[in-house]
Amino acid sequence: YIGVPKFQKWVNDKKFDGGQLSKEETELRDFYKRLLNFTISSSALMGPYQEIHYYNKEHTAGYDHRIFSFVRWSDDQKLIIISNFDDQRKERLEMKVPKEVVSQWQLPDGEQVLIDALYGKKEVLTVKEGIGHLTIGLNPLESFIFEIK
């Protein structure tokens, strides 16, 4: 069976610690561990969903079908999720959060601190005339779950 050797690397002689994984496999394992831990504690992931993908395709230079973005929220948590599905291309974009989302979230004009829920990266969402602006660099296959603080 072709999957057994890879499985044995995860099992690592019954230690189940991934000790035999490559650097890339270890990074992927860490990403999924962080993601799964976040999902069990996030109230926003059970709340409303709105894609902002098509809005950004129309209003953000360089944004295309290889990037996907959406928002989720609850009364106490607001998330902006962005993923680059291109496995080679880096992107630097000025993402937008549409007026209807900014209004729903009751964000005033000015700066809002964003913290990536997985790795703690800090960014700033600037609201101007009711539209959110987020300048972000995305590496190939990189994703962020930004939470407004």
N, C-alpha and C. Protein backbone atom coordinates (compact mmCIF):
# COMPACT_ATOMS: atom_id res chain seq x y z
N TYR A 1 0.84 -1.18 0.00
CA TYR A 1 0.00 0.00 0.00
C TYR A 1 0.88 1.23 0.00
N ILE A 2 0.63 2.16 -0.92
CA ILE A 2 1.53 3.29 -1.14
C ILE A 2 1.55 4.30 0.00
N GLY A 3 0.48 4.43 0.77
CA GLY A 3 0.43 5.43 1.84
C GLY A 3 1.11 5.01 3.14
N VAL A 4 1.47 3.76 3.29
CA VAL A 4 2.02 3.26 4.56
C VAL A 4 3.33 3.94 4.94
N PRO A 5 4.32 4.11 4.05
CA PRO A 5 5.56 4.77 4.48
C PRO A 5 5.34 6.18 5.03
N LYS A 6 4.48 6.98 4.39
CA LYS A 6 4.20 8.32 4.90
C LYS A 6 3.51 8.24 6.25
N PHE A 7 2.60 7.32 6.41
CA PHE A 7 1.91 7.15 7.69
C PHE A 7 2.90 6.79 8.78
N GLN A 8 3.87 5.94 8.46
CA GLN A 8 4.87 5.54 9.45
C GLN A 8 5.70 6.72 9.93
N LYS A 9 5.93 7.71 9.05
CA LYS A 9 6.66 8.91 9.45
C LYS A 9 5.86 9.69 10.50
N TRP A 10 4.53 9.73 10.36
CA TRP A 10 3.68 10.42 11.33
C TRP A 10 3.64 9.66 12.65
N VAL A 11 3.57 8.35 12.54
CA VAL A 11 3.48 7.51 13.73
C VAL A 11 4.79 7.53 14.51
N ASN A 12 5.93 7.50 13.81
CA ASN A 12 7.26 7.59 14.41
C ASN A 12 7.44 6.57 15.53
N ASP A 13 7.38 5.30 15.16
CA ASP A 13 7.57 4.20 16.13
C ASP A 13 6.64 4.32 17.34
N LYS A 14 5.38 4.60 17.07
CA LYS A 14 4.31 4.70 18.07
C LYS A 14 4.43 5.90 19.01
N LYS A 15 5.25 6.88 18.65
CA LYS A 15 5.33 8.11 19.44
C LYS A 15 4.27 9.12 18.99
N PHE A 16 3.80 8.98 17.76
CA PHE A 16 2.77 9.85 17.18
C PHE A 16 3.13 11.33 17.27
N ASP A 17 4.42 11.62 17.09
CA ASP A 17 4.87 13.01 17.21
C ASP A 17 5.38 13.59 15.89
N GLY A 18 5.31 12.83 14.81
CA GLY A 18 5.79 13.31 13.52
C GLY A 18 7.29 13.49 13.46
N GLY A 19 8.03 12.83 14.33
CA GLY A 19 9.48 13.01 14.44
C GLY A 19 10.27 12.65 13.19
N GLN A 20 9.70 11.90 12.27
CA GLN A 20 10.42 11.51 11.06
C GLN A 20 9.99 12.33 9.84
N LEU A 21 9.21 13.37 10.05
CA LEU A 21 8.72 14.17 8.94
C LEU A 21 9.80 15.09 8.39
N SER A 22 9.67 15.43 7.09
CA SER A 22 10.57 16.42 6.48
C SER A 22 10.19 17.81 7.00
N LYS A 23 11.02 18.80 6.69
CA LYS A 23 10.74 20.18 7.11
C LYS A 23 9.38 20.64 6.58
N GLU A 24 9.11 20.37 5.30
CA GLU A 24 7.85 20.79 4.69
C GLU A 24 6.66 20.06 5.33
N GLU A 25 6.82 18.78 5.59
CA GLU A 25 5.74 18.02 6.23
C GLU A 25 5.50 18.50 7.66
N THR A 26 6.57 18.87 8.36
CA THR A 26 6.45 19.39 9.72
C THR A 26 5.72 20.72 9.71
N GLU A 27 6.04 21.59 8.75
CA GLU A 27 5.36 22.88 8.64
C GLU A 27 3.88 22.69 8.33
N LEU A 28 3.56 21.75 7.46
CA LEU A 28 2.16 21.49 7.13
C LEU A 28 1.42 20.94 8.35
N ARG A 29 2.05 20.05 9.07
CA ARG A 29 1.46 19.49 10.30
C ARG A 29 1.19 20.59 11.32
N ASP A 30 2.16 21.51 11.47
CA ASP A 30 2.00 22.63 12.39
C ASP A 30 0.85 23.53 11.96
N PHE A 31 0.74 23.82 10.65
CA PHE A 31 -0.35 24.64 10.14
C PHE A 31 -1.70 24.03 10.49
N TYR A 32 -1.87 22.74 10.21
CA TYR A 32 -3.16 22.10 10.49
C TYR A 32 -3.44 22.00 11.99
N LYS A 33 -2.43 21.83 12.79
CA LYS A 33 -2.61 21.82 14.24
C LYS A 33 -3.14 23.18 14.71
N ARG A 34 -2.51 24.26 14.23
CA ARG A 34 -2.95 25.61 14.59
C ARG A 34 -4.37 25.87 14.09
N LEU A 35 -4.64 25.47 12.85
CA LEU A 35 -5.95 25.69 12.25
C LEU A 35 -7.04 24.94 13.02
N LEU A 36 -6.81 23.68 13.32
CA LEU A 36 -7.80 22.89 14.05
C LEU A 36 -8.04 23.43 15.45
N ASN A 37 -6.98 23.84 16.13
CA ASN A 37 -7.15 24.43 17.47
C ASN A 37 -7.94 25.73 17.40
N PHE A 38 -7.71 26.54 16.35
CA PHE A 38 -8.47 27.78 16.21
C PHE A 38 -9.95 27.50 15.96
N THR A 39 -10.24 26.52 15.11
CA THR A 39 -11.64 26.26 14.75
C THR A 39 -12.49 25.84 15.94
N ILE A 40 -11.90 25.17 16.92
CA ILE A 40 -12.72 24.72 18.06
C ILE A 40 -13.01 25.85 19.04
N SER A 41 -12.30 26.99 18.90
CA SER A 41 -12.54 28.08 19.85
C SER A 41 -13.13 29.33 19.19
N SER A 42 -13.41 29.31 17.91
CA SER A 42 -13.87 30.50 17.20
C SER A 42 -15.39 30.56 17.11
N SER A 43 -15.96 31.59 17.71
CA SER A 43 -17.41 31.79 17.62
C SER A 43 -17.80 32.30 16.23
N ALA A 44 -16.91 33.05 15.58
CA ALA A 44 -17.22 33.62 14.26
C ALA A 44 -17.41 32.54 13.20
N LEU A 45 -16.73 31.42 13.35
CA LEU A 45 -16.87 30.36 12.35
C LEU A 45 -18.25 29.72 12.37
N MET A 46 -19.00 29.97 13.41
CA MET A 46 -20.39 29.48 13.47
C MET A 46 -21.37 30.58 13.09
N GLY A 47 -20.86 31.79 12.85
CA GLY A 47 -21.71 32.94 12.54
C GLY A 47 -21.87 33.15 11.04
N PRO A 48 -22.37 34.33 10.68
CA PRO A 48 -22.61 34.65 9.27
C PRO A 48 -21.33 34.60 8.44
N TYR A 49 -21.52 34.32 7.15
CA TYR A 49 -20.45 34.22 6.17
C TYR A 49 -20.77 35.15 5.01
N GLN A 50 -19.75 35.83 4.50
CA GLN A 50 -19.91 36.59 3.26
C GLN A 50 -18.60 36.54 2.49
N GLU A 51 -18.68 36.12 1.24
CA GLU A 51 -17.46 36.16 0.44
C GLU A 51 -17.21 37.61 0.03
N ILE A 52 -15.94 37.97 -0.02
CA ILE A 52 -15.55 39.29 -0.52
C ILE A 52 -14.65 39.12 -1.75
N HIS A 53 -14.63 37.92 -2.25
CA HIS A 53 -13.80 37.54 -3.40
C HIS A 53 -14.17 38.34 -4.65
N TYR A 54 -15.44 38.33 -5.04
CA TYR A 54 -15.84 39.00 -6.28
C TYR A 54 -15.70 40.51 -6.16
N TYR A 55 -15.94 41.05 -4.98
CA TYR A 55 -15.73 42.48 -4.76
C TYR A 55 -14.27 42.83 -5.01
N ASN A 56 -13.36 42.02 -4.47
CA ASN A 56 -11.94 42.28 -4.67
C ASN A 56 -11.48 42.02 -6.09
N LYS A 57 -12.08 41.06 -6.78
CA LYS A 57 -11.74 40.86 -8.19
C LYS A 57 -12.04 42.12 -9.00
N GLU A 58 -13.10 42.83 -8.63
CA GLU A 58 -13.50 44.05 -9.34
C GLU A 58 -12.76 45.29 -8.87
N HIS A 59 -12.30 45.32 -7.60
CA HIS A 59 -11.79 46.56 -7.02
C HIS A 59 -10.33 46.50 -6.54
N THR A 60 -9.64 45.39 -6.73
CA THR A 60 -8.27 45.25 -6.23
C THR A 60 -7.34 44.84 -7.37
N ALA A 61 -6.37 45.69 -7.68
CA ALA A 61 -5.39 45.38 -8.72
C ALA A 61 -4.59 44.14 -8.33
N GLY A 62 -4.44 43.20 -9.27
CA GLY A 62 -3.66 41.99 -9.04
C GLY A 62 -4.44 40.85 -8.41
N TYR A 63 -5.64 41.11 -7.94
CA TYR A 63 -6.46 40.07 -7.31
C TYR A 63 -7.14 39.28 -8.43
N ASP A 64 -7.00 37.94 -8.41
CA ASP A 64 -7.62 37.12 -9.44
C ASP A 64 -8.14 35.81 -8.86
N HIS A 65 -8.46 34.87 -9.74
CA HIS A 65 -9.08 33.60 -9.35
C HIS A 65 -8.19 32.73 -8.46
N ARG A 66 -6.90 33.02 -8.38
CA ARG A 66 -6.00 32.22 -7.56
C ARG A 66 -6.02 32.63 -6.08
N ILE A 67 -6.71 33.71 -5.79
CA ILE A 67 -6.84 34.19 -4.42
C ILE A 67 -8.31 34.09 -4.05
N PHE A 68 -8.59 33.76 -2.80
CA PHE A 68 -9.97 33.71 -2.33
C PHE A 68 -10.03 34.41 -0.98
N SER A 69 -11.09 35.17 -0.77
CA SER A 69 -11.25 35.89 0.50
C SER A 69 -12.71 35.90 0.91
N PHE A 70 -12.91 35.87 2.22
CA PHE A 70 -14.25 35.95 2.77
C PHE A 70 -14.17 36.44 4.20
N VAL A 71 -15.33 36.76 4.76
CA VAL A 71 -15.40 37.20 6.16
C VAL A 71 -16.40 36.32 6.89
N ARG A 72 -16.16 36.18 8.18
CA ARG A 72 -17.08 35.49 9.11
C ARG A 72 -17.12 36.34 10.36
N TRP A 73 -18.26 36.31 11.08
CA TRP A 73 -18.34 37.11 12.29
C TRP A 73 -19.39 36.58 13.25
N SER A 74 -19.22 37.01 14.48
CA SER A 74 -20.18 36.78 15.55
C SER A 74 -20.24 38.09 16.34
N ASP A 75 -21.00 38.10 17.43
CA ASP A 75 -21.08 39.32 18.23
C ASP A 75 -19.73 39.72 18.82
N ASP A 76 -18.87 38.75 19.09
CA ASP A 76 -17.60 39.07 19.76
C ASP A 76 -16.35 38.78 18.92
N GLN A 77 -16.51 38.41 17.66
CA GLN A 77 -15.34 38.10 16.84
C GLN A 77 -15.63 38.41 15.37
N LYS A 78 -14.67 39.09 14.73
CA LYS A 78 -14.79 39.43 13.32
C LYS A 78 -13.53 38.97 12.60
N LEU A 79 -13.70 38.17 11.54
CA LEU A 79 -12.58 37.54 10.84
C LEU A 79 -12.56 37.91 9.37
N ILE A 80 -11.33 38.13 8.85
CA ILE A 80 -11.10 38.29 7.42
C ILE A 80 -10.14 37.17 7.03
N ILE A 81 -10.59 36.30 6.13
CA ILE A 81 -9.80 35.14 5.72
C ILE A 81 -9.35 35.34 4.28
N ILE A 82 -8.05 35.17 4.04
CA ILE A 82 -7.47 35.37 2.71
C ILE A 82 -6.54 34.20 2.42
N SER A 83 -6.68 33.60 1.23
CA SER A 83 -5.83 32.49 0.83
C SER A 83 -5.30 32.70 -0.58
N ASN A 84 -4.01 32.44 -0.76
CA ASN A 84 -3.38 32.45 -2.08
C ASN A 84 -3.22 30.99 -2.50
N PHE A 85 -3.95 30.57 -3.52
CA PHE A 85 -3.90 29.19 -3.98
C PHE A 85 -2.87 28.96 -5.07
N ASP A 86 -2.15 30.01 -5.46
CA ASP A 86 -1.09 29.85 -6.45
C ASP A 86 0.14 29.25 -5.76
N ASP A 87 0.74 28.24 -6.36
CA ASP A 87 1.87 27.59 -5.72
C ASP A 87 3.22 28.18 -6.11
N GLN A 88 3.20 29.28 -6.90
CA GLN A 88 4.46 29.89 -7.30
C GLN A 88 4.49 31.41 -7.14
N ARG A 89 3.38 32.05 -7.29
CA ARG A 89 3.34 33.51 -7.35
C ARG A 89 3.11 34.18 -6.00
N LYS A 90 3.96 35.14 -5.67
CA LYS A 90 3.75 36.00 -4.52
C LYS A 90 2.85 37.15 -4.96
N GLU A 91 2.09 37.68 -4.03
CA GLU A 91 1.22 38.81 -4.32
C GLU A 91 1.37 39.88 -3.26
N ARG A 92 1.26 41.11 -3.67
CA ARG A 92 1.16 42.25 -2.75
C ARG A 92 -0.08 43.00 -3.19
N LEU A 93 -1.08 43.04 -2.33
CA LEU A 93 -2.39 43.56 -2.71
C LEU A 93 -2.91 44.57 -1.69
N GLU A 94 -3.76 45.46 -2.16
CA GLU A 94 -4.53 46.28 -1.24
C GLU A 94 -5.96 45.75 -1.27
N MET A 95 -6.20 44.79 -0.39
CA MET A 95 -7.51 44.14 -0.29
C MET A 95 -8.54 45.16 0.19
N LYS A 96 -9.79 44.89 -0.15
CA LYS A 96 -10.88 45.75 0.27
C LYS A 96 -11.91 44.95 1.06
N VAL A 97 -12.48 45.60 2.06
CA VAL A 97 -13.64 45.06 2.78
C VAL A 97 -14.80 45.99 2.42
N PRO A 98 -15.82 45.47 1.74
CA PRO A 98 -16.90 46.32 1.22
C PRO A 98 -17.69 47.06 2.30
N LYS A 99 -18.35 48.13 1.87
CA LYS A 99 -19.13 48.98 2.77
C LYS A 99 -20.15 48.19 3.59
N GLU A 100 -20.84 47.25 2.95
CA GLU A 100 -21.88 46.53 3.68
C GLU A 100 -21.33 45.73 4.85
N VAL A 101 -20.11 45.20 4.70
CA VAL A 101 -19.47 44.46 5.81
C VAL A 101 -19.02 45.44 6.88
N VAL A 102 -18.36 46.51 6.47
CA VAL A 102 -17.89 47.52 7.43
C VAL A 102 -19.07 48.08 8.22
N SER A 103 -20.18 48.32 7.55
CA SER A 103 -21.39 48.82 8.22
C SER A 103 -21.96 47.77 9.18
N GLN A 104 -22.05 46.53 8.73
CA GLN A 104 -22.55 45.43 9.58
C GLN A 104 -21.70 45.29 10.84
N TRP A 105 -20.40 45.44 10.69
CA TRP A 105 -19.47 45.31 11.81
C TRP A 105 -19.36 46.59 12.63
N GLN A 106 -19.99 47.67 12.15
CA GLN A 106 -19.99 48.97 12.84
C GLN A 106 -18.57 49.48 13.09
N LEU A 107 -17.74 49.42 12.04
CA LEU A 107 -16.37 49.91 12.14
C LEU A 107 -16.31 51.38 11.74
N PRO A 108 -15.76 52.23 12.59
CA PRO A 108 -15.64 53.65 12.24
C PRO A 108 -14.46 53.87 11.29
N ASP A 109 -14.46 55.00 10.59
CA ASP A 109 -13.29 55.36 9.79
C ASP A 109 -12.09 55.45 10.73
N GLY A 110 -10.95 55.01 10.22
CA GLY A 110 -9.72 55.00 11.03
C GLY A 110 -9.07 53.63 10.95
N GLU A 111 -8.14 53.37 11.84
CA GLU A 111 -7.37 52.14 11.81
C GLU A 111 -7.89 51.11 12.81
N GLN A 112 -7.91 49.86 12.37
CA GLN A 112 -8.27 48.73 13.20
C GLN A 112 -7.08 47.75 13.17
N VAL A 113 -6.66 47.29 14.33
CA VAL A 113 -5.56 46.32 14.40
C VAL A 113 -6.10 44.94 14.06
N LEU A 114 -5.36 44.24 13.19
CA LEU A 114 -5.67 42.86 12.82
C LEU A 114 -4.54 41.97 13.32
N ILE A 115 -4.92 40.82 13.87
CA ILE A 115 -3.93 39.82 14.30
C ILE A 115 -4.28 38.50 13.61
N ASP A 116 -3.28 37.91 12.95
CA ASP A 116 -3.49 36.60 12.34
C ASP A 116 -3.66 35.57 13.44
N ALA A 117 -4.77 34.86 13.40
CA ALA A 117 -5.12 33.91 14.46
C ALA A 117 -4.19 32.68 14.50
N LEU A 118 -3.46 32.42 13.44
CA LEU A 118 -2.62 31.23 13.41
C LEU A 118 -1.18 31.50 13.83
N TYR A 119 -0.61 32.61 13.37
CA TYR A 119 0.80 32.88 13.63
C TYR A 119 1.07 34.22 14.32
N GLY A 120 0.03 35.01 14.56
CA GLY A 120 0.19 36.26 15.30
C GLY A 120 0.68 37.44 14.49
N LYS A 121 0.76 37.33 13.18
CA LYS A 121 1.19 38.46 12.34
C LYS A 121 0.21 39.62 12.52
N LYS A 122 0.76 40.84 12.68
CA LYS A 122 -0.08 42.02 12.86
C LYS A 122 -0.16 42.80 11.56
N GLU A 123 -1.35 43.28 11.27
CA GLU A 123 -1.60 44.15 10.11
C GLU A 123 -2.57 45.23 10.56
N VAL A 124 -2.86 46.16 9.66
CA VAL A 124 -3.80 47.24 9.96
C VAL A 124 -4.86 47.29 8.87
N LEU A 125 -6.11 47.33 9.29
CA LEU A 125 -7.23 47.58 8.39
C LEU A 125 -7.57 49.05 8.54
N THR A 126 -7.46 49.80 7.44
CA THR A 126 -7.78 51.22 7.47
C THR A 126 -9.14 51.41 6.82
N VAL A 127 -10.07 51.97 7.56
CA VAL A 127 -11.41 52.24 7.04
C VAL A 127 -11.45 53.70 6.59
N LYS A 128 -11.74 53.89 5.28
CA LYS A 128 -11.85 55.21 4.68
C LYS A 128 -13.19 55.29 3.97
N GLU A 129 -14.00 56.26 4.37
CA GLU A 129 -15.31 56.47 3.75
C GLU A 129 -16.12 55.18 3.74
N GLY A 130 -16.01 54.41 4.82
CA GLY A 130 -16.81 53.22 4.99
C GLY A 130 -16.30 51.96 4.31
N ILE A 131 -15.15 52.03 3.64
CA ILE A 131 -14.57 50.85 2.97
C ILE A 131 -13.27 50.50 3.67
N GLY A 132 -13.07 49.20 3.96
CA GLY A 132 -11.85 48.75 4.60
C GLY A 132 -10.75 48.50 3.58
N HIS A 133 -9.52 48.88 3.94
CA HIS A 133 -8.35 48.69 3.08
C HIS A 133 -7.29 47.96 3.88
N LEU A 134 -6.77 46.87 3.31
CA LEU A 134 -5.74 46.06 3.96
C LEU A 134 -4.65 45.76 2.95
N THR A 135 -3.47 46.33 3.15
CA THR A 135 -2.33 46.02 2.29
C THR A 135 -1.66 44.77 2.84
N ILE A 136 -1.56 43.75 1.99
CA ILE A 136 -1.09 42.45 2.46
C ILE A 136 -0.17 41.80 1.42
N GLY A 137 0.87 41.17 1.91
CA GLY A 137 1.72 40.35 1.07
C GLY A 137 1.35 38.89 1.29
N LEU A 138 1.20 38.18 0.19
CA LEU A 138 0.84 36.75 0.26
C LEU A 138 1.89 35.93 -0.46
N ASN A 139 2.51 35.01 0.25
CA ASN A 139 3.42 34.06 -0.37
C ASN A 139 2.63 32.97 -1.07
N PRO A 140 3.28 32.19 -1.94
CA PRO A 140 2.57 31.08 -2.56
C PRO A 140 1.96 30.15 -1.50
N LEU A 141 0.73 29.76 -1.73
CA LEU A 141 -0.02 28.84 -0.87
C LEU A 141 -0.15 29.33 0.58
N GLU A 142 -0.11 30.63 0.79
CA GLU A 142 -0.22 31.18 2.14
C GLU A 142 -1.64 31.63 2.41
N SER A 143 -2.06 31.47 3.66
CA SER A 143 -3.38 31.89 4.10
C SER A 143 -3.28 32.63 5.42
N PHE A 144 -4.22 33.55 5.63
CA PHE A 144 -4.32 34.28 6.89
C PHE A 144 -5.75 34.25 7.39
N ILE A 145 -5.89 34.19 8.69
CA ILE A 145 -7.18 34.39 9.36
C ILE A 145 -6.98 35.60 10.26
N PHE A 146 -7.34 36.77 9.75
CA PHE A 146 -7.15 37.99 10.53
C PHE A 146 -8.37 38.25 11.41
N GLU A 147 -8.10 38.54 12.66
CA GLU A 147 -9.14 38.89 13.62
C GLU A 147 -8.98 40.36 13.99
N ILE A 148 -10.09 41.10 13.94
CA ILE A 148 -10.06 42.50 14.35
C ILE A 148 -9.99 42.55 15.86
N LYS A 149 -9.01 43.28 16.38
CA LYS A 149 -8.83 43.39 17.84
C LYS A 149 -9.36 44.71 18.34
